[in-house]
Every structure is written in C-alpha cells, then in structure tokens.
Amino acid sequence: MAEKVTVKKPKSEVLLYKGRPLVRCGNEIYYGDMAETAVVRMEIGGTADFKDLKLPNKVRVFLLSTDEDLNPIERIKNNTVKNSLADAIEIASIWLEGVLGK
C-alpha cells in the first residue's frame, strides 16, 4: 500500500514536504532549510509528455553541505539520477533524515 503524502502550504506560501521547504527556481528544486547543515538540490534534466503536462523524467539529485567554507566539489556529499520527480524527492527526504537525524 502506498504511503499517503501530505503537502502543506502555510501562510508564507512556501511549499513543505515532510516538514521541510521545497523551493523551485527554473529547472532547479531545493529541498531543506539552508540554516541546517545540509540541503538537497535537484536538477531537472529532461521531461516527458503526459497528456497536457510535461513531467520530469531525468532528475539529478545532490546532497549538499551548507558549509560555505568548503569548495563546491567538497560540498557534494552524495548524488544520484532518478527517472521521476517523485523518486528524486523521496531519496532527498531519506538523505536529509539520515544526515540531520530528524
């Protein structure tokens, strides 16, 4: 049985997924709070047509440290490529729970 996903939209208009902010800017989606030690960056690399929609079918996922003293390569703690946005967000959630312990 599939887990029911709850998406909340508070008054500040920031979309939350499992209690963490989910923000899109163009073809990039950031998941997590920049004030914490890690966030996830997702890059939409391709889309597929589904009825009247274009759905992401190639999403690169990066677990990033928010430590500004590290160079950009050292900030990448983990990465993968997923075939759907749903799979990308799910792995992002798992990674953040593991790193942040919440």
N, C-alpha and C. Protein backbone atom coordinates (compact mmCIF):
# COMPACT_ATOMS: atom_id res chain seq x y z
N MET A 1 0.84 -1.18 0.00
CA MET A 1 0.00 0.00 0.00
C MET A 1 0.88 1.24 0.00
N ALA A 2 0.61 2.17 -0.85
CA ALA A 2 1.41 3.38 -0.98
C ALA A 2 1.18 4.31 0.21
N GLU A 3 2.26 4.97 0.62
CA GLU A 3 2.17 5.93 1.71
C GLU A 3 1.52 7.21 1.20
N LYS A 4 0.58 7.73 1.97
CA LYS A 4 -0.08 8.97 1.59
C LYS A 4 0.84 10.14 1.90
N VAL A 5 1.07 10.98 0.91
CA VAL A 5 1.96 12.12 1.05
C VAL A 5 1.14 13.35 1.39
N THR A 6 1.56 14.05 2.43
CA THR A 6 0.88 15.26 2.84
C THR A 6 1.74 16.46 2.47
N VAL A 7 1.19 17.35 1.68
CA VAL A 7 1.89 18.56 1.29
C VAL A 7 1.13 19.73 1.91
N LYS A 8 1.84 20.53 2.71
CA LYS A 8 1.22 21.65 3.39
C LYS A 8 1.70 22.95 2.75
N LYS A 9 0.83 23.92 2.68
CA LYS A 9 1.17 25.23 2.15
C LYS A 9 0.80 26.27 3.20
N PRO A 10 1.79 26.67 4.04
CA PRO A 10 1.47 27.64 5.10
C PRO A 10 1.23 29.03 4.53
N LYS A 11 0.89 29.94 5.41
CA LYS A 11 0.57 31.31 5.01
C LYS A 11 1.71 31.98 4.25
N SER A 12 2.95 31.57 4.50
CA SER A 12 4.09 32.20 3.85
C SER A 12 4.24 31.76 2.39
N GLU A 13 3.36 30.88 1.92
CA GLU A 13 3.36 30.40 0.54
C GLU A 13 4.56 29.53 0.20
N VAL A 14 5.27 29.00 1.19
CA VAL A 14 6.37 28.08 0.95
C VAL A 14 5.81 26.67 1.01
N LEU A 15 6.07 25.91 -0.03
CA LEU A 15 5.60 24.53 -0.08
C LEU A 15 6.48 23.68 0.83
N LEU A 16 5.86 22.85 1.67
CA LEU A 16 6.59 21.95 2.56
C LEU A 16 6.33 20.52 2.15
N TYR A 17 7.36 19.70 2.26
CA TYR A 17 7.23 18.26 2.09
C TYR A 17 7.89 17.62 3.29
N LYS A 18 7.13 16.85 4.04
CA LYS A 18 7.59 16.23 5.28
C LYS A 18 8.24 17.25 6.21
N GLY A 19 7.63 18.45 6.26
CA GLY A 19 8.07 19.48 7.20
C GLY A 19 9.25 20.31 6.76
N ARG A 20 9.76 20.08 5.55
CA ARG A 20 10.91 20.85 5.06
C ARG A 20 10.51 21.65 3.82
N PRO A 21 11.11 22.84 3.63
CA PRO A 21 10.78 23.66 2.47
C PRO A 21 11.19 23.00 1.15
N LEU A 22 10.37 23.21 0.14
CA LEU A 22 10.61 22.70 -1.21
C LEU A 22 10.42 23.89 -2.14
N VAL A 23 11.53 24.39 -2.72
CA VAL A 23 11.51 25.62 -3.49
C VAL A 23 12.05 25.36 -4.90
N ARG A 24 11.30 25.82 -5.91
CA ARG A 24 11.74 25.64 -7.29
C ARG A 24 12.16 26.98 -7.88
N CYS A 25 13.27 26.93 -8.62
CA CYS A 25 13.77 28.10 -9.35
C CYS A 25 14.21 27.60 -10.73
N GLY A 26 13.35 27.79 -11.73
CA GLY A 26 13.65 27.28 -13.07
C GLY A 26 13.66 25.77 -13.07
N ASN A 27 14.77 25.18 -13.50
CA ASN A 27 14.89 23.72 -13.54
C ASN A 27 15.59 23.16 -12.31
N GLU A 28 15.72 23.96 -11.27
CA GLU A 28 16.32 23.50 -10.02
C GLU A 28 15.30 23.52 -8.90
N ILE A 29 15.36 22.51 -8.06
CA ILE A 29 14.49 22.42 -6.89
C ILE A 29 15.39 22.21 -5.68
N TYR A 30 15.19 23.03 -4.66
CA TYR A 30 15.94 22.89 -3.42
C TYR A 30 15.00 22.35 -2.35
N TYR A 31 15.48 21.37 -1.62
CA TYR A 31 14.69 20.74 -0.56
C TYR A 31 15.48 20.81 0.73
N GLY A 32 14.90 21.44 1.73
CA GLY A 32 15.55 21.56 3.02
C GLY A 32 15.72 23.01 3.42
N ASP A 33 16.25 23.20 4.60
CA ASP A 33 16.44 24.52 5.19
C ASP A 33 17.92 24.89 5.11
N MET A 34 18.23 26.02 4.48
CA MET A 34 19.62 26.46 4.32
C MET A 34 20.28 26.76 5.67
N ALA A 35 19.51 26.91 6.72
CA ALA A 35 20.07 27.15 8.05
C ALA A 35 20.59 25.86 8.68
N GLU A 36 20.25 24.71 8.13
CA GLU A 36 20.73 23.43 8.65
C GLU A 36 22.04 23.05 7.96
N THR A 37 22.61 21.93 8.33
CA THR A 37 23.93 21.55 7.83
C THR A 37 23.93 20.97 6.42
N ALA A 38 22.75 20.61 5.89
CA ALA A 38 22.68 20.03 4.55
C ALA A 38 21.34 20.35 3.89
N VAL A 39 21.35 20.42 2.58
CA VAL A 39 20.15 20.57 1.76
C VAL A 39 20.30 19.67 0.54
N VAL A 40 19.21 19.50 -0.19
CA VAL A 40 19.26 18.71 -1.42
C VAL A 40 18.92 19.63 -2.58
N ARG A 41 19.70 19.50 -3.63
CA ARG A 41 19.46 20.24 -4.87
C ARG A 41 19.10 19.22 -5.94
N MET A 42 18.00 19.46 -6.64
CA MET A 42 17.56 18.58 -7.72
C MET A 42 17.54 19.37 -9.02
N GLU A 43 18.17 18.84 -10.05
CA GLU A 43 18.20 19.46 -11.37
C GLU A 43 17.34 18.64 -12.32
N ILE A 44 16.37 19.28 -12.94
CA ILE A 44 15.52 18.60 -13.91
C ILE A 44 16.27 18.60 -15.24
N GLY A 45 16.64 17.42 -15.71
CA GLY A 45 17.45 17.30 -16.92
C GLY A 45 16.66 16.96 -18.16
N GLY A 46 15.43 16.53 -17.99
CA GLY A 46 14.60 16.17 -19.14
C GLY A 46 13.16 16.02 -18.74
N THR A 47 12.28 16.14 -19.72
CA THR A 47 10.86 15.99 -19.45
C THR A 47 10.22 15.06 -20.48
N ALA A 48 9.10 14.50 -20.10
CA ALA A 48 8.31 13.65 -20.99
C ALA A 48 6.88 14.18 -21.00
N ASP A 49 6.22 14.06 -22.13
CA ASP A 49 4.82 14.50 -22.24
C ASP A 49 3.89 13.46 -21.64
N PHE A 50 2.94 13.95 -20.85
CA PHE A 50 1.88 13.12 -20.29
C PHE A 50 0.61 13.93 -20.36
N LYS A 51 -0.27 13.54 -21.26
CA LYS A 51 -1.49 14.30 -21.54
C LYS A 51 -1.10 15.73 -21.88
N ASP A 52 -1.55 16.73 -21.11
CA ASP A 52 -1.22 18.12 -21.39
C ASP A 52 -0.06 18.64 -20.55
N LEU A 53 0.66 17.73 -19.88
CA LEU A 53 1.72 18.13 -18.96
C LEU A 53 3.09 17.69 -19.45
N LYS A 54 4.11 18.36 -18.98
CA LYS A 54 5.49 17.93 -19.16
C LYS A 54 6.00 17.51 -17.79
N LEU A 55 6.28 16.23 -17.64
CA LEU A 55 6.73 15.70 -16.36
C LEU A 55 8.23 15.42 -16.40
N PRO A 56 8.94 15.74 -15.33
CA PRO A 56 10.38 15.44 -15.28
C PRO A 56 10.61 13.94 -15.39
N ASN A 57 11.54 13.55 -16.27
CA ASN A 57 11.86 12.12 -16.39
C ASN A 57 13.34 11.86 -16.17
N LYS A 58 14.11 12.89 -15.92
CA LYS A 58 15.52 12.73 -15.56
C LYS A 58 15.84 13.82 -14.54
N VAL A 59 16.09 13.40 -13.32
CA VAL A 59 16.35 14.36 -12.24
C VAL A 59 17.65 13.97 -11.55
N ARG A 60 18.60 14.90 -11.56
CA ARG A 60 19.86 14.70 -10.84
C ARG A 60 19.67 15.22 -9.42
N VAL A 61 20.08 14.42 -8.45
CA VAL A 61 19.87 14.75 -7.04
C VAL A 61 21.24 14.85 -6.35
N PHE A 62 21.45 15.95 -5.65
CA PHE A 62 22.70 16.19 -4.93
C PHE A 62 22.41 16.51 -3.47
N LEU A 63 23.06 15.80 -2.57
CA LEU A 63 23.04 16.14 -1.15
C LEU A 63 24.22 17.08 -0.93
N LEU A 64 23.93 18.30 -0.49
CA LEU A 64 24.96 19.32 -0.36
C LEU A 64 25.12 19.79 1.07
N SER A 65 26.36 20.00 1.47
CA SER A 65 26.65 20.65 2.74
C SER A 65 26.38 22.13 2.57
N THR A 66 25.90 22.79 3.61
CA THR A 66 25.68 24.23 3.55
C THR A 66 26.88 25.00 4.10
N ASP A 67 27.98 24.32 4.38
CA ASP A 67 29.19 24.95 4.89
C ASP A 67 29.84 25.76 3.76
N GLU A 68 29.80 27.08 3.88
CA GLU A 68 30.32 27.96 2.84
C GLU A 68 31.85 27.98 2.78
N ASP A 69 32.52 27.41 3.78
CA ASP A 69 33.98 27.36 3.77
C ASP A 69 34.51 26.27 2.85
N LEU A 70 33.67 25.30 2.47
CA LEU A 70 34.08 24.23 1.57
C LEU A 70 33.97 24.70 0.13
N ASN A 71 34.84 24.15 -0.73
CA ASN A 71 34.71 24.48 -2.14
C ASN A 71 33.52 23.68 -2.71
N PRO A 72 33.01 24.09 -3.87
CA PRO A 72 31.79 23.46 -4.40
C PRO A 72 31.86 21.94 -4.56
N ILE A 73 33.00 21.40 -4.92
CA ILE A 73 33.13 19.94 -5.08
C ILE A 73 33.04 19.24 -3.73
N GLU A 74 33.68 19.81 -2.71
CA GLU A 74 33.66 19.20 -1.37
C GLU A 74 32.27 19.28 -0.73
N ARG A 75 31.44 20.19 -1.19
CA ARG A 75 30.09 20.33 -0.62
C ARG A 75 29.17 19.18 -1.02
N ILE A 76 29.46 18.51 -2.13
CA ILE A 76 28.63 17.40 -2.59
C ILE A 76 28.93 16.17 -1.74
N LYS A 77 27.93 15.72 -1.00
CA LYS A 77 28.10 14.58 -0.10
C LYS A 77 27.56 13.29 -0.72
N ASN A 78 26.61 13.41 -1.63
CA ASN A 78 26.03 12.24 -2.29
C ASN A 78 25.31 12.72 -3.54
N ASN A 79 25.17 11.86 -4.54
CA ASN A 79 24.42 12.23 -5.74
C ASN A 79 23.91 10.99 -6.45
N THR A 80 22.86 11.18 -7.22
CA THR A 80 22.26 10.10 -7.99
C THR A 80 21.41 10.71 -9.09
N VAL A 81 20.94 9.88 -9.99
CA VAL A 81 20.00 10.30 -11.03
C VAL A 81 18.75 9.44 -10.90
N LYS A 82 17.58 10.08 -10.89
CA LYS A 82 16.31 9.37 -10.79
C LYS A 82 15.47 9.63 -12.04
N ASN A 83 14.55 8.71 -12.33
CA ASN A 83 13.73 8.79 -13.53
C ASN A 83 12.39 9.49 -13.32
N SER A 84 12.16 9.98 -12.10
CA SER A 84 10.92 10.73 -11.85
C SER A 84 11.16 11.70 -10.71
N LEU A 85 10.37 12.74 -10.68
CA LEU A 85 10.48 13.72 -9.61
C LEU A 85 10.08 13.09 -8.27
N ALA A 86 9.09 12.22 -8.29
CA ALA A 86 8.65 11.56 -7.05
C ALA A 86 9.79 10.74 -6.43
N ASP A 87 10.52 9.98 -7.26
CA ASP A 87 11.65 9.20 -6.76
C ASP A 87 12.76 10.11 -6.24
N ALA A 88 12.98 11.23 -6.94
CA ALA A 88 14.02 12.17 -6.52
C ALA A 88 13.70 12.79 -5.16
N ILE A 89 12.46 13.20 -4.98
CA ILE A 89 12.07 13.81 -3.70
C ILE A 89 12.12 12.79 -2.58
N GLU A 90 11.77 11.57 -2.86
CA GLU A 90 11.80 10.54 -1.83
C GLU A 90 13.23 10.25 -1.37
N ILE A 91 14.17 10.12 -2.32
CA ILE A 91 15.57 9.89 -1.91
C ILE A 91 16.13 11.11 -1.20
N ALA A 92 15.71 12.30 -1.62
CA ALA A 92 16.13 13.53 -0.95
C ALA A 92 15.69 13.53 0.50
N SER A 93 14.47 13.12 0.74
CA SER A 93 13.93 13.05 2.10
C SER A 93 14.71 12.04 2.95
N ILE A 94 15.00 10.90 2.38
CA ILE A 94 15.75 9.86 3.10
C ILE A 94 17.15 10.36 3.45
N TRP A 95 17.82 11.00 2.50
CA TRP A 95 19.16 11.51 2.75
C TRP A 95 19.16 12.56 3.85
N LEU A 96 18.23 13.50 3.79
CA LEU A 96 18.19 14.54 4.81
C LEU A 96 17.88 13.98 6.19
N GLU A 97 16.97 13.02 6.26
CA GLU A 97 16.66 12.40 7.55
C GLU A 97 17.91 11.72 8.11
N GLY A 98 18.69 11.09 7.23
CA GLY A 98 19.90 10.41 7.68
C GLY A 98 20.97 11.38 8.17
N VAL A 99 21.16 12.46 7.46
CA VAL A 99 22.20 13.43 7.81
C VAL A 99 21.79 14.29 9.00
N LEU A 100 20.55 14.74 9.00
CA LEU A 100 20.10 15.66 10.05
C LEU A 100 19.55 14.96 11.26
N GLY A 101 19.24 13.68 11.13
CA GLY A 101 18.74 12.92 12.26
C GLY A 101 17.37 13.32 12.74
N LYS A 102 16.54 13.82 11.82
CA LYS A 102 15.19 14.27 12.20
C LYS A 102 14.16 13.47 11.46
